[in-house]
């Protein structure tokens, strides 16, 4: 089934469009498109964002590796480097810290009509994208490729079966959820 979809580009766009709408709706229902919830997370007073993100991590790990194990999907790794990770983290962190939205929550906040997301977020994304595109040639040669670590995954790096890592991390995340709930955070 997925091989057939791989060949139908228009169908991929339709599926992507509706998946994006569902994703935005779920972000909204989870409360993470609200500025006060995100700022509460940054101030370590409201852990809604971390709960939603870690739920997505567990679901994604289990879903992708299950589909991969039955041959329904293939992963296409993108090479990484410490330079690109640091630059990306700085860009993301500054935008998130200044405005209080990440790209996903920004899109969800735009969808619900938040004016701060429209004027601060969308304009900020456009300016940031323009600046990155302008400086990319210099960044790519000098910084982005520093410390190249290639196309490696955590299970490959640790030399373990992916399911060992998935089960271990999932149990750790469930324990963290339990602790957050018990602590009243």
Protein backbone atom coordinates (compact mmCIF):
# COMPACT_ATOMS: atom_id res chain seq x y z
CA UNK A 1 0.00 0.00 0.00
CA UNK A 2 2.68 2.52 0.97
CA UNK A 3 4.72 1.69 -2.13
CA UNK A 4 1.74 2.63 -4.29
CA UNK A 5 1.41 5.93 -2.37
CA UNK A 6 5.08 6.67 -2.95
CA UNK A 7 4.38 6.97 -6.67
CA UNK A 8 1.27 9.19 -6.34
CA UNK A 9 2.56 12.68 -5.52
CA UNK A 10 -0.84 14.40 -5.58
CA UNK A 11 -2.26 11.85 -3.16
CA UNK A 12 0.71 12.46 -0.85
CA UNK A 13 -0.14 16.19 -0.85
CA UNK A 14 -3.78 15.49 -0.02
CA UNK A 15 -2.82 13.11 2.79
CA UNK A 16 -0.24 15.60 4.06
CA UNK A 17 -2.80 18.42 4.02
CA UNK A 18 -5.37 16.48 6.04
CA UNK A 19 -2.73 15.08 8.37
CA UNK A 20 -1.59 18.65 9.02
CA UNK A 21 -5.14 19.71 9.85
CA UNK A 22 -5.52 16.78 12.25
CA UNK A 23 -2.12 17.57 13.79
CA UNK A 24 -3.09 21.21 14.32
CA UNK A 25 -6.43 20.19 15.81
CA UNK A 26 -4.71 17.81 18.24
CA UNK A 27 -2.18 20.50 19.22
CA UNK A 28 -5.10 22.84 19.87
CA UNK A 29 -7.01 20.23 21.90
CA UNK A 30 -3.84 19.49 23.85
CA UNK A 31 -3.60 23.18 24.75
CA UNK A 32 -0.11 23.69 23.34
CA UNK A 33 -1.15 26.39 20.87
CA UNK A 34 -1.88 28.75 23.77
CA UNK A 35 0.82 31.25 24.61
CA UNK A 36 0.23 31.02 28.37
CA UNK A 37 0.70 27.23 28.30
CA UNK A 38 3.98 27.51 26.39
CA UNK A 39 5.33 30.27 28.65
CA UNK A 40 4.26 28.18 31.65
CA UNK A 41 6.43 25.37 30.29
CA UNK A 42 9.39 27.71 29.81
CA UNK A 43 8.96 28.87 33.43
CA UNK A 44 8.70 25.21 34.57
CA UNK A 45 5.22 25.83 35.98
CA UNK A 46 3.01 23.99 33.45
CA UNK A 47 4.18 20.69 31.97
CA UNK A 48 1.46 20.32 29.32
CA UNK A 49 3.95 20.85 26.48
CA UNK A 50 6.40 18.22 27.74
CA UNK A 51 3.56 15.73 28.19
CA UNK A 52 2.32 16.27 24.63
CA UNK A 53 5.83 16.13 23.15
CA UNK A 54 6.88 13.00 25.02
CA UNK A 55 3.59 11.31 24.10
CA UNK A 56 4.42 12.06 20.46
CA UNK A 57 7.95 10.69 20.90
CA UNK A 58 6.67 7.39 22.32
CA UNK A 59 3.95 7.08 19.67
CA UNK A 60 6.39 7.94 16.89
CA UNK A 61 9.10 5.55 18.06
CA UNK A 62 6.73 2.63 18.41
CA UNK A 63 4.81 3.42 15.21
CA UNK A 64 7.78 3.97 12.92
CA UNK A 65 9.78 0.98 14.15
CA UNK A 66 6.72 -1.28 14.06
CA UNK A 67 5.98 -0.25 10.45
CA UNK A 68 9.66 -0.64 9.63
CA UNK A 69 9.81 -4.11 11.19
CA UNK A 70 6.91 -5.36 9.07
CA UNK A 71 8.41 -3.80 5.93
CA UNK A 72 5.68 -1.18 5.46
CA UNK A 73 8.09 1.79 5.51
CA UNK A 74 11.76 2.47 4.95
CA UNK A 75 13.65 5.18 6.76
CA UNK A 76 15.71 7.68 4.80
CA UNK A 77 18.24 9.15 7.18
CA UNK A 78 19.66 12.59 6.67
CA UNK A 79 23.29 13.10 7.66
CA UNK A 80 23.84 15.26 10.69
CA UNK A 81 26.60 17.27 12.28
CA UNK A 82 27.28 19.07 15.52
CA UNK A 83 27.52 22.38 13.64
CA UNK A 84 24.06 22.07 12.09
CA UNK A 85 22.61 20.88 15.40
CA UNK A 86 24.02 23.88 17.27
CA UNK A 87 22.90 26.41 14.63
CA UNK A 88 19.44 24.84 14.37
CA UNK A 89 19.12 24.71 18.15
CA UNK A 90 20.09 28.36 18.49
CA UNK A 91 17.65 29.49 15.81
CA UNK A 92 14.86 27.37 17.31
CA UNK A 93 15.70 28.42 20.88
CA UNK A 94 15.82 32.14 20.15
CA UNK A 95 12.54 32.03 18.25
CA UNK A 96 10.87 29.90 20.90
CA UNK A 97 12.19 32.02 23.77
CA UNK A 98 11.32 35.38 22.19
CA UNK A 99 7.87 34.51 20.87
CA UNK A 100 6.84 31.44 22.83
CA UNK A 101 5.98 29.28 19.82
CA UNK A 102 7.77 26.51 17.97
CA UNK A 103 6.94 26.00 14.26
CA UNK A 104 4.19 23.45 14.96
CA UNK A 105 2.49 25.38 17.73
CA UNK A 106 2.85 28.58 15.67
CA UNK A 107 0.92 26.99 12.80
CA UNK A 108 -1.74 25.79 15.25
CA UNK A 109 -1.98 29.23 16.88
CA UNK A 110 -2.32 30.82 13.43
CA UNK A 111 -5.11 28.37 12.67
CA UNK A 112 -7.01 29.41 15.77
CA UNK A 113 -6.57 33.10 14.91
CA UNK A 114 -3.96 34.26 17.44
CA UNK A 115 -2.81 37.73 16.39
CA UNK A 116 0.54 37.46 18.20
CA UNK A 117 1.24 34.33 16.15
CA UNK A 118 0.28 36.15 12.96
CA UNK A 119 2.24 39.36 13.47
CA UNK A 120 5.12 38.13 15.62
CA UNK A 121 5.41 34.51 14.58
CA UNK A 122 4.73 34.50 10.89
CA UNK A 123 6.76 37.65 10.30
CA UNK A 124 9.55 36.24 12.49
CA UNK A 125 9.58 32.97 10.53
CA UNK A 126 9.78 34.86 7.24
CA UNK A 127 12.60 37.12 8.48
CA UNK A 128 14.47 34.19 10.04
CA UNK A 129 14.10 32.09 6.89
CA UNK A 130 15.35 34.97 4.77
CA UNK A 131 18.35 35.56 7.02
CA UNK A 132 19.22 31.86 7.07
CA UNK A 133 18.95 31.63 3.27
CA UNK A 134 21.15 34.72 2.91
CA UNK A 135 23.89 33.43 5.21
CA UNK A 136 23.58 29.74 4.29
CA UNK A 137 26.49 29.64 1.80
CA UNK A 138 28.92 30.98 4.43
CA UNK A 139 27.40 28.91 7.25
CA UNK A 140 27.48 25.72 5.18
CA UNK A 141 31.20 25.99 4.44
CA UNK A 142 32.34 27.20 7.87
CA UNK A 143 29.95 25.89 10.51
CA UNK A 144 27.13 23.57 9.43
CA UNK A 145 29.31 20.62 8.41
CA UNK A 146 31.62 20.74 11.44
CA UNK A 147 31.60 17.52 13.44
CA UNK A 148 29.81 15.45 10.80
CA UNK A 149 28.40 12.26 12.33
CA UNK A 150 26.73 10.91 9.20
CA UNK A 151 23.55 8.88 8.95
CA UNK A 152 23.55 7.15 12.32
CA UNK A 153 20.70 6.39 14.68
CA UNK A 154 20.85 5.96 18.47
CA UNK A 155 20.36 2.16 18.27
CA UNK A 156 23.25 1.95 15.78
CA UNK A 157 25.43 4.17 17.93
CA UNK A 158 24.70 2.13 21.07
CA UNK A 159 24.87 -1.16 19.11
CA UNK A 160 21.52 -2.39 20.44
CA UNK A 161 18.33 -3.68 18.92
CA UNK A 162 16.04 -0.65 18.34
CA UNK A 163 13.30 -2.26 20.45
CA UNK A 164 15.59 -2.33 23.50
CA UNK A 165 15.96 1.43 23.27
CA UNK A 166 12.28 2.01 22.42
CA UNK A 167 11.01 -0.05 25.36
CA UNK A 168 13.55 1.47 27.76
CA UNK A 169 12.75 5.05 26.73
CA UNK A 170 9.01 4.39 26.75
CA UNK A 171 9.18 3.03 30.30
CA UNK A 172 11.29 6.02 31.38
CA UNK A 173 8.80 8.43 29.81
CA UNK A 174 5.83 6.70 31.48
CA UNK A 175 7.68 6.94 34.81
CA UNK A 176 8.30 10.65 34.16
CA UNK A 177 4.58 11.14 33.40
CA UNK A 178 3.71 9.39 36.65
CA UNK A 179 6.13 11.60 38.59
CA UNK A 180 4.82 14.81 36.95
CA UNK A 181 1.22 13.86 37.76
CA UNK A 182 2.06 12.79 41.32
CA UNK A 183 3.97 16.05 41.86
CA UNK A 184 1.00 18.08 40.59
CA UNK A 185 3.08 19.81 37.92
